[in-house]
Amino acid sequence: MTADRRRFLALAASLPALGLIAGPLAAQAAPQVYAEDGIAIDGTDAVAYFTEGRPVPGDPSITHDWGGATWRFASAANRDAFAADPEAYAPQYGGFCAWAVSEGYTASTTPEAWRIVDGKLYLNYSRRIQRRWNRDIPTHISRGDANWPGLMGSS
């Protein structure tokens, strides 16, 4: 047996053991909230979607840390409302693209591609992707709800 073949066989034999180690580590490293440079949902005020019906940039001096990210708000009142009940205002799927999550992966979002459904905020990668998501919202939400725990490594 050549040295190259022995190395290959030794590597192949060790791959299952590496998977047992790497799997849990990868699951722990999965981000729970879409954040760039630690700032959730591109610095957009999550509460403003509900109160103003539009995306509003958050003020870098008005923040609240939650879910492993810093959230920005346009006012102290919005920050306080979020801090009192973040689950009520935070976008579903940690602010990752709702359509992507329904398809089994995560993607970034843009503040302008949003929709509130049954009192919950959903964001999408782009307006084009949002139009695709809008074609069958109930199915995409159902699939997203089923996929999300596995994407976050908790299933």
N, C-alpha and C. Protein backbone atom coordinates (compact mmCIF):
# COMPACT_ATOMS: atom_id res chain seq x y z
N MET A 1 0.85 -1.16 0.00
CA MET A 1 0.00 0.00 0.00
C MET A 1 0.90 1.24 0.00
N THR A 2 0.59 2.22 -0.83
CA THR A 2 1.42 3.42 -0.91
C THR A 2 1.10 4.35 0.25
N ALA A 3 2.03 5.28 0.49
CA ALA A 3 1.85 6.23 1.58
C ALA A 3 0.63 7.12 1.34
N ASP A 4 0.40 7.52 0.07
CA ASP A 4 -0.76 8.36 -0.24
C ASP A 4 -2.07 7.63 0.05
N ARG A 5 -2.12 6.36 -0.29
CA ARG A 5 -3.33 5.60 -0.04
C ARG A 5 -3.57 5.43 1.46
N ARG A 6 -2.50 5.20 2.22
CA ARG A 6 -2.63 5.07 3.68
C ARG A 6 -3.14 6.37 4.29
N ARG A 7 -2.59 7.51 3.83
CA ARG A 7 -3.06 8.80 4.34
C ARG A 7 -4.53 9.01 4.01
N PHE A 8 -4.92 8.66 2.81
CA PHE A 8 -6.32 8.79 2.40
C PHE A 8 -7.22 7.94 3.29
N LEU A 9 -6.84 6.69 3.51
CA LEU A 9 -7.66 5.80 4.34
C LEU A 9 -7.72 6.29 5.78
N ALA A 10 -6.61 6.79 6.30
CA ALA A 10 -6.60 7.32 7.67
C ALA A 10 -7.52 8.54 7.78
N LEU A 11 -7.46 9.43 6.79
CA LEU A 11 -8.33 10.60 6.77
C LEU A 11 -9.79 10.19 6.66
N ALA A 12 -10.08 9.27 5.77
CA ALA A 12 -11.46 8.81 5.59
C ALA A 12 -11.99 8.18 6.87
N ALA A 13 -11.17 7.45 7.58
CA ALA A 13 -11.60 6.82 8.82
C ALA A 13 -11.86 7.84 9.92
N SER A 14 -11.17 8.98 9.88
CA SER A 14 -11.34 9.98 10.94
C SER A 14 -12.51 10.93 10.67
N LEU A 15 -13.05 10.98 9.47
CA LEU A 15 -14.13 11.92 9.14
C LEU A 15 -15.37 11.74 10.01
N PRO A 16 -15.85 10.53 10.26
CA PRO A 16 -17.02 10.42 11.14
C PRO A 16 -16.78 11.00 12.53
N ALA A 17 -15.61 10.79 13.09
CA ALA A 17 -15.30 11.33 14.41
C ALA A 17 -15.26 12.86 14.36
N LEU A 18 -14.70 13.42 13.31
CA LEU A 18 -14.67 14.87 13.16
C LEU A 18 -16.08 15.43 13.07
N GLY A 19 -16.97 14.73 12.42
CA GLY A 19 -18.36 15.16 12.31
C GLY A 19 -19.04 15.23 13.67
N LEU A 20 -18.71 14.29 14.56
CA LEU A 20 -19.29 14.31 15.90
C LEU A 20 -18.83 15.53 16.68
N ILE A 21 -17.62 15.98 16.43
CA ILE A 21 -17.08 17.16 17.11
C ILE A 21 -17.55 18.43 16.42
N ALA A 22 -17.44 18.49 15.10
CA ALA A 22 -17.74 19.71 14.36
C ALA A 22 -19.23 20.01 14.34
N GLY A 23 -20.09 19.01 14.33
CA GLY A 23 -21.53 19.25 14.27
C GLY A 23 -22.03 20.12 15.41
N PRO A 24 -21.78 19.74 16.67
CA PRO A 24 -22.22 20.59 17.78
C PRO A 24 -21.56 21.97 17.78
N LEU A 25 -20.31 22.05 17.40
CA LEU A 25 -19.64 23.35 17.35
C LEU A 25 -20.27 24.24 16.30
N ALA A 26 -20.60 23.70 15.14
CA ALA A 26 -21.24 24.48 14.09
C ALA A 26 -22.61 24.95 14.54
N ALA A 27 -23.34 24.09 15.23
CA ALA A 27 -24.67 24.46 15.69
C ALA A 27 -24.58 25.61 16.70
N GLN A 28 -23.58 25.57 17.57
CA GLN A 28 -23.43 26.63 18.55
C GLN A 28 -23.05 27.94 17.89
N ALA A 29 -22.33 27.89 16.78
CA ALA A 29 -21.84 29.09 16.13
C ALA A 29 -22.89 29.76 15.25
N ALA A 30 -24.02 29.09 14.99
CA ALA A 30 -25.05 29.65 14.13
C ALA A 30 -25.61 30.92 14.76
N PRO A 31 -25.61 32.02 14.01
CA PRO A 31 -26.16 33.25 14.58
C PRO A 31 -27.67 33.15 14.75
N GLN A 32 -28.16 33.67 15.84
CA GLN A 32 -29.60 33.64 16.13
C GLN A 32 -30.33 34.85 15.56
N VAL A 33 -29.59 35.93 15.30
CA VAL A 33 -30.17 37.18 14.81
C VAL A 33 -29.34 37.66 13.64
N TYR A 34 -30.03 38.09 12.58
CA TYR A 34 -29.31 38.67 11.44
C TYR A 34 -28.71 40.01 11.89
N ALA A 35 -27.39 40.08 11.89
CA ALA A 35 -26.70 41.29 12.32
C ALA A 35 -25.42 41.45 11.51
N GLU A 36 -25.19 42.65 11.07
CA GLU A 36 -23.93 43.00 10.40
C GLU A 36 -23.13 43.84 11.38
N ASP A 37 -21.91 43.45 11.63
CA ASP A 37 -21.05 44.13 12.60
C ASP A 37 -21.74 44.26 13.96
N GLY A 38 -22.56 43.25 14.32
CA GLY A 38 -23.22 43.23 15.61
C GLY A 38 -24.50 44.03 15.69
N ILE A 39 -24.87 44.72 14.61
CA ILE A 39 -26.07 45.56 14.59
C ILE A 39 -27.21 44.78 13.93
N ALA A 40 -28.29 44.57 14.68
CA ALA A 40 -29.44 43.80 14.18
C ALA A 40 -30.17 44.53 13.06
N ILE A 41 -30.68 43.77 12.14
CA ILE A 41 -31.54 44.18 11.01
C ILE A 41 -31.15 45.53 10.39
N ASP A 42 -29.87 45.64 10.09
CA ASP A 42 -29.33 46.83 9.41
C ASP A 42 -29.57 48.13 10.17
N GLY A 43 -29.72 48.05 11.49
CA GLY A 43 -29.90 49.25 12.29
C GLY A 43 -31.29 49.84 12.21
N THR A 44 -32.23 49.12 11.65
CA THR A 44 -33.60 49.60 11.53
C THR A 44 -34.35 49.39 12.84
N ASP A 45 -35.19 50.34 13.21
CA ASP A 45 -35.99 50.28 14.42
C ASP A 45 -37.11 49.25 14.23
N ALA A 46 -37.03 48.11 14.91
CA ALA A 46 -38.02 47.05 14.76
C ALA A 46 -39.41 47.49 15.22
N VAL A 47 -39.50 48.33 16.23
CA VAL A 47 -40.79 48.78 16.75
C VAL A 47 -41.49 49.68 15.74
N ALA A 48 -40.73 50.47 14.99
CA ALA A 48 -41.33 51.41 14.04
C ALA A 48 -42.14 50.72 12.95
N TYR A 49 -41.79 49.49 12.60
CA TYR A 49 -42.61 48.76 11.63
C TYR A 49 -44.05 48.67 12.12
N PHE A 50 -44.23 48.51 13.43
CA PHE A 50 -45.55 48.36 14.01
C PHE A 50 -46.22 49.71 14.27
N THR A 51 -45.44 50.68 14.72
CA THR A 51 -46.02 51.96 15.12
C THR A 51 -46.13 52.97 13.98
N GLU A 52 -45.21 52.91 13.02
CA GLU A 52 -45.23 53.86 11.91
C GLU A 52 -45.55 53.22 10.57
N GLY A 53 -45.57 51.88 10.54
CA GLY A 53 -45.91 51.18 9.31
C GLY A 53 -44.88 51.33 8.22
N ARG A 54 -43.64 51.50 8.62
CA ARG A 54 -42.55 51.64 7.64
C ARG A 54 -41.21 51.43 8.34
N PRO A 55 -40.18 51.11 7.56
CA PRO A 55 -38.85 51.01 8.17
C PRO A 55 -38.31 52.40 8.50
N VAL A 56 -37.78 52.53 9.71
CA VAL A 56 -37.21 53.79 10.18
C VAL A 56 -35.81 53.49 10.69
N PRO A 57 -34.81 54.23 10.23
CA PRO A 57 -33.46 53.99 10.75
C PRO A 57 -33.39 54.26 12.25
N GLY A 58 -32.68 53.39 12.95
CA GLY A 58 -32.47 53.60 14.37
C GLY A 58 -31.33 54.56 14.62
N ASP A 59 -31.35 55.18 15.76
CA ASP A 59 -30.31 56.12 16.18
C ASP A 59 -29.20 55.31 16.87
N PRO A 60 -27.96 55.46 16.43
CA PRO A 60 -26.86 54.69 17.05
C PRO A 60 -26.69 54.93 18.55
N SER A 61 -27.26 56.02 19.07
CA SER A 61 -27.12 56.30 20.50
C SER A 61 -28.30 55.74 21.32
N ILE A 62 -29.31 55.17 20.64
CA ILE A 62 -30.46 54.60 21.36
C ILE A 62 -30.51 53.12 21.02
N THR A 63 -29.97 52.29 21.92
CA THR A 63 -29.81 50.87 21.62
C THR A 63 -30.27 49.98 22.77
N HIS A 64 -30.43 48.72 22.43
CA HIS A 64 -30.72 47.67 23.41
C HIS A 64 -30.08 46.39 22.91
N ASP A 65 -29.35 45.69 23.77
CA ASP A 65 -28.73 44.43 23.40
C ASP A 65 -29.69 43.28 23.71
N TRP A 66 -29.93 42.46 22.71
CA TRP A 66 -30.83 41.31 22.87
C TRP A 66 -30.51 40.29 21.78
N GLY A 67 -30.56 39.03 22.12
CA GLY A 67 -30.35 37.97 21.14
C GLY A 67 -28.97 37.94 20.54
N GLY A 68 -27.99 38.45 21.25
CA GLY A 68 -26.62 38.44 20.75
C GLY A 68 -26.32 39.55 19.76
N ALA A 69 -27.19 40.55 19.69
CA ALA A 69 -26.98 41.67 18.76
C ALA A 69 -27.42 42.97 19.43
N THR A 70 -26.97 44.07 18.85
CA THR A 70 -27.39 45.39 19.31
C THR A 70 -28.49 45.89 18.38
N TRP A 71 -29.60 46.27 18.96
CA TRP A 71 -30.76 46.78 18.21
C TRP A 71 -30.78 48.30 18.37
N ARG A 72 -31.05 48.99 17.28
CA ARG A 72 -31.13 50.46 17.31
C ARG A 72 -32.59 50.89 17.20
N PHE A 73 -32.88 52.06 17.79
CA PHE A 73 -34.25 52.57 17.81
C PHE A 73 -34.26 54.06 17.51
N ALA A 74 -35.36 54.51 16.94
CA ALA A 74 -35.51 55.92 16.58
C ALA A 74 -35.83 56.77 17.80
N SER A 75 -36.35 56.14 18.86
CA SER A 75 -36.70 56.89 20.07
C SER A 75 -36.48 56.00 21.30
N ALA A 76 -36.36 56.67 22.44
CA ALA A 76 -36.22 55.94 23.70
C ALA A 76 -37.50 55.16 24.00
N ALA A 77 -38.65 55.71 23.61
CA ALA A 77 -39.92 55.01 23.84
C ALA A 77 -39.95 53.69 23.07
N ASN A 78 -39.46 53.70 21.83
CA ASN A 78 -39.42 52.45 21.06
C ASN A 78 -38.44 51.46 21.67
N ARG A 79 -37.30 51.95 22.13
CA ARG A 79 -36.33 51.07 22.79
C ARG A 79 -36.94 50.44 24.03
N ASP A 80 -37.64 51.24 24.81
CA ASP A 80 -38.23 50.73 26.05
C ASP A 80 -39.32 49.70 25.75
N ALA A 81 -40.12 49.95 24.71
CA ALA A 81 -41.16 48.98 24.32
C ALA A 81 -40.52 47.66 23.91
N PHE A 82 -39.45 47.73 23.13
CA PHE A 82 -38.75 46.52 22.69
C PHE A 82 -38.15 45.79 23.89
N ALA A 83 -37.48 46.54 24.76
CA ALA A 83 -36.83 45.93 25.93
C ALA A 83 -37.85 45.23 26.83
N ALA A 84 -39.06 45.77 26.92
CA ALA A 84 -40.09 45.17 27.75
C ALA A 84 -40.63 43.87 27.16
N ASP A 85 -40.62 43.75 25.82
CA ASP A 85 -41.17 42.55 25.18
C ASP A 85 -40.54 42.35 23.80
N PRO A 86 -39.26 41.96 23.76
CA PRO A 86 -38.59 41.84 22.46
C PRO A 86 -39.25 40.85 21.51
N GLU A 87 -39.83 39.79 22.05
CA GLU A 87 -40.47 38.78 21.19
C GLU A 87 -41.65 39.38 20.41
N ALA A 88 -42.27 40.42 20.95
CA ALA A 88 -43.42 41.03 20.27
C ALA A 88 -42.99 41.85 19.06
N TYR A 89 -41.76 42.38 19.08
CA TYR A 89 -41.32 43.29 18.03
C TYR A 89 -40.23 42.74 17.11
N ALA A 90 -39.41 41.85 17.63
CA ALA A 90 -38.31 41.31 16.82
C ALA A 90 -38.88 40.55 15.63
N PRO A 91 -38.25 40.68 14.48
CA PRO A 91 -38.74 39.95 13.32
C PRO A 91 -38.59 38.44 13.51
N GLN A 92 -39.45 37.71 12.87
CA GLN A 92 -39.40 36.25 12.92
C GLN A 92 -38.10 35.77 12.30
N TYR A 93 -37.67 34.61 12.70
CA TYR A 93 -36.46 33.96 12.19
C TYR A 93 -35.23 34.83 12.40
N GLY A 94 -35.23 35.58 13.52
CA GLY A 94 -34.08 36.40 13.87
C GLY A 94 -33.78 37.52 12.87
N GLY A 95 -34.75 37.84 12.04
CA GLY A 95 -34.54 38.89 11.04
C GLY A 95 -33.90 38.39 9.76
N PHE A 96 -33.67 37.09 9.67
CA PHE A 96 -33.19 36.52 8.41
C PHE A 96 -34.35 36.46 7.43
N CYS A 97 -34.04 36.33 6.17
CA CYS A 97 -35.05 36.33 5.11
C CYS A 97 -36.07 35.21 5.33
N ALA A 98 -37.34 35.60 5.43
CA ALA A 98 -38.41 34.63 5.68
C ALA A 98 -38.54 33.63 4.53
N TRP A 99 -38.35 34.09 3.30
CA TRP A 99 -38.44 33.17 2.17
C TRP A 99 -37.29 32.17 2.21
N ALA A 100 -36.09 32.64 2.47
CA ALA A 100 -34.93 31.74 2.53
C ALA A 100 -35.13 30.69 3.62
N VAL A 101 -35.60 31.10 4.79
CA VAL A 101 -35.81 30.15 5.88
C VAL A 101 -36.85 29.12 5.46
N SER A 102 -37.88 29.54 4.72
CA SER A 102 -38.89 28.58 4.26
C SER A 102 -38.29 27.58 3.27
N GLU A 103 -37.19 27.96 2.64
CA GLU A 103 -36.51 27.09 1.68
C GLU A 103 -35.38 26.28 2.34
N GLY A 104 -35.12 26.53 3.63
CA GLY A 104 -34.15 25.73 4.35
C GLY A 104 -32.76 26.34 4.51
N TYR A 105 -32.62 27.63 4.31
CA TYR A 105 -31.33 28.28 4.54
C TYR A 105 -31.57 29.70 5.04
N THR A 106 -30.50 30.40 5.41
CA THR A 106 -30.65 31.78 5.86
C THR A 106 -30.03 32.72 4.84
N ALA A 107 -30.55 33.94 4.82
CA ALA A 107 -30.03 34.99 3.95
C ALA A 107 -30.27 36.33 4.63
N SER A 108 -29.50 37.30 4.25
CA SER A 108 -29.65 38.65 4.80
C SER A 108 -31.00 39.24 4.35
N THR A 109 -31.31 40.40 4.89
CA THR A 109 -32.56 41.06 4.55
C THR A 109 -32.31 42.53 4.25
N THR A 110 -33.32 43.16 3.67
CA THR A 110 -33.30 44.59 3.45
C THR A 110 -34.49 45.20 4.18
N PRO A 111 -34.33 46.35 4.81
CA PRO A 111 -35.42 46.92 5.61
C PRO A 111 -36.71 47.18 4.81
N GLU A 112 -36.60 47.45 3.52
CA GLU A 112 -37.76 47.79 2.71
C GLU A 112 -38.62 46.59 2.32
N ALA A 113 -38.13 45.38 2.48
CA ALA A 113 -38.88 44.17 2.12
C ALA A 113 -39.43 43.54 3.39
N TRP A 114 -40.60 43.99 3.81
CA TRP A 114 -41.16 43.58 5.10
C TRP A 114 -42.66 43.42 5.00
N ARG A 115 -43.18 42.71 6.00
CA ARG A 115 -44.63 42.55 6.09
C ARG A 115 -44.96 42.06 7.49
N ILE A 116 -46.05 42.59 8.05
CA ILE A 116 -46.56 42.11 9.33
C ILE A 116 -47.73 41.18 9.03
N VAL A 117 -47.64 39.95 9.52
CA VAL A 117 -48.67 38.93 9.33
C VAL A 117 -49.05 38.40 10.71
N ASP A 118 -50.33 38.50 11.03
CA ASP A 118 -50.82 38.02 12.32
C ASP A 118 -50.01 38.59 13.48
N GLY A 119 -49.67 39.87 13.39
CA GLY A 119 -48.95 40.54 14.46
C GLY A 119 -47.48 40.24 14.56
N LYS A 120 -46.93 39.56 13.54
CA LYS A 120 -45.51 39.22 13.54
C LYS A 120 -44.83 39.84 12.33
N LEU A 121 -43.61 40.34 12.54
CA LEU A 121 -42.83 40.98 11.50
C LEU A 121 -41.98 39.96 10.75
N TYR A 122 -42.05 40.00 9.43
CA TYR A 122 -41.24 39.15 8.57
C TYR A 122 -40.46 40.04 7.62
N LEU A 123 -39.18 39.74 7.45
CA LEU A 123 -38.31 40.46 6.53
C LEU A 123 -37.87 39.53 5.41
N ASN A 124 -37.53 40.12 4.26
CA ASN A 124 -37.04 39.34 3.13
C ASN A 124 -35.78 39.96 2.56
N TYR A 125 -35.09 39.16 1.76
CA TYR A 125 -33.82 39.53 1.15
C TYR A 125 -33.95 40.77 0.26
N SER A 126 -35.02 40.82 -0.51
CA SER A 126 -35.25 41.93 -1.44
C SER A 126 -36.74 42.02 -1.73
N ARG A 127 -37.15 43.06 -2.38
CA ARG A 127 -38.56 43.17 -2.77
C ARG A 127 -38.92 42.10 -3.79
N ARG A 128 -38.00 41.74 -4.65
CA ARG A 128 -38.25 40.68 -5.63
C ARG A 128 -38.52 39.36 -4.92
N ILE A 129 -37.69 39.03 -3.95
CA ILE A 129 -37.89 37.80 -3.18
C ILE A 129 -39.18 37.90 -2.36
N GLN A 130 -39.47 39.08 -1.85
CA GLN A 130 -40.70 39.26 -1.09
C GLN A 130 -41.93 38.97 -1.95
N ARG A 131 -41.91 39.39 -3.20
CA ARG A 131 -43.03 39.08 -4.10
C ARG A 131 -43.21 37.57 -4.23
N ARG A 132 -42.12 36.83 -4.25
CA ARG A 132 -42.18 35.37 -4.31
C ARG A 132 -42.78 34.83 -3.01
N TRP A 133 -42.35 35.36 -1.88
CA TRP A 133 -42.88 34.95 -0.57
C TRP A 133 -44.37 35.27 -0.46
N ASN A 134 -44.77 36.42 -0.98
CA ASN A 134 -46.16 36.86 -0.91
C ASN A 134 -47.12 35.95 -1.68
N ARG A 135 -46.64 35.18 -2.61
CA ARG A 135 -47.51 34.31 -3.42
C ARG A 135 -48.21 33.25 -2.58
N ASP A 136 -47.59 32.83 -1.49
CA ASP A 136 -48.21 31.82 -0.62
C ASP A 136 -47.66 31.97 0.80
N ILE A 137 -48.02 33.07 1.43
CA ILE A 137 -47.49 33.39 2.75
C ILE A 137 -47.76 32.27 3.77
N PRO A 138 -48.97 31.76 3.87
CA PRO A 138 -49.20 30.72 4.90
C PRO A 138 -48.27 29.50 4.75
N THR A 139 -48.07 29.05 3.52
CA THR A 139 -47.18 27.90 3.31
C THR A 139 -45.74 28.26 3.66
N HIS A 140 -45.30 29.46 3.27
CA HIS A 140 -43.92 29.86 3.58
C HIS A 140 -43.71 30.01 5.08
N ILE A 141 -44.71 30.54 5.79
CA ILE A 141 -44.58 30.66 7.24
C ILE A 141 -44.55 29.27 7.88
N SER A 142 -45.42 28.40 7.44
CA SER A 142 -45.43 27.04 7.99
C SER A 142 -44.09 26.33 7.77
N ARG A 143 -43.57 26.43 6.56
CA ARG A 143 -42.28 25.81 6.26
C ARG A 143 -41.14 26.49 7.02
N GLY A 144 -41.20 27.82 7.12
CA GLY A 144 -40.18 28.54 7.86
C GLY A 144 -40.18 28.17 9.33
N ASP A 145 -41.38 28.07 9.92
CA ASP A 145 -41.48 27.67 11.32
C ASP A 145 -40.90 26.28 11.54
N ALA A 146 -41.12 25.39 10.58
CA ALA A 146 -40.59 24.03 10.69
C ALA A 146 -39.07 24.00 10.51
N ASN A 147 -38.55 24.83 9.61
CA ASN A 147 -37.11 24.83 9.30
C ASN A 147 -36.26 25.58 10.33
N TRP A 148 -36.82 26.63 10.93
CA TRP A 148 -36.02 27.52 11.76
C TRP A 148 -35.26 26.82 12.89
N PRO A 149 -35.88 25.95 13.68
CA PRO A 149 -35.10 25.32 14.76
C PRO A 149 -33.88 24.55 14.24
N GLY A 150 -34.01 23.86 13.13
CA GLY A 150 -32.88 23.12 12.56
C GLY A 150 -31.79 24.04 12.04
N LEU A 151 -32.18 25.17 11.51
CA LEU A 151 -31.20 26.14 11.01
C LEU A 151 -30.41 26.77 12.15
N MET A 152 -31.01 26.82 13.30
CA MET A 152 -30.33 27.41 14.47
C MET A 152 -29.64 26.36 15.32
N GLY A 153 -29.68 25.10 14.86
CA GLY A 153 -28.95 24.05 15.55
C GLY A 153 -29.61 23.56 16.81
N SER A 154 -30.91 23.82 16.95
CA SER A 154 -31.57 23.39 18.19
C SER A 154 -32.49 22.20 17.97
N SER A 155 -32.42 21.57 16.83
CA SER A 155 -33.28 20.38 16.66
C SER A 155 -32.43 19.13 16.58
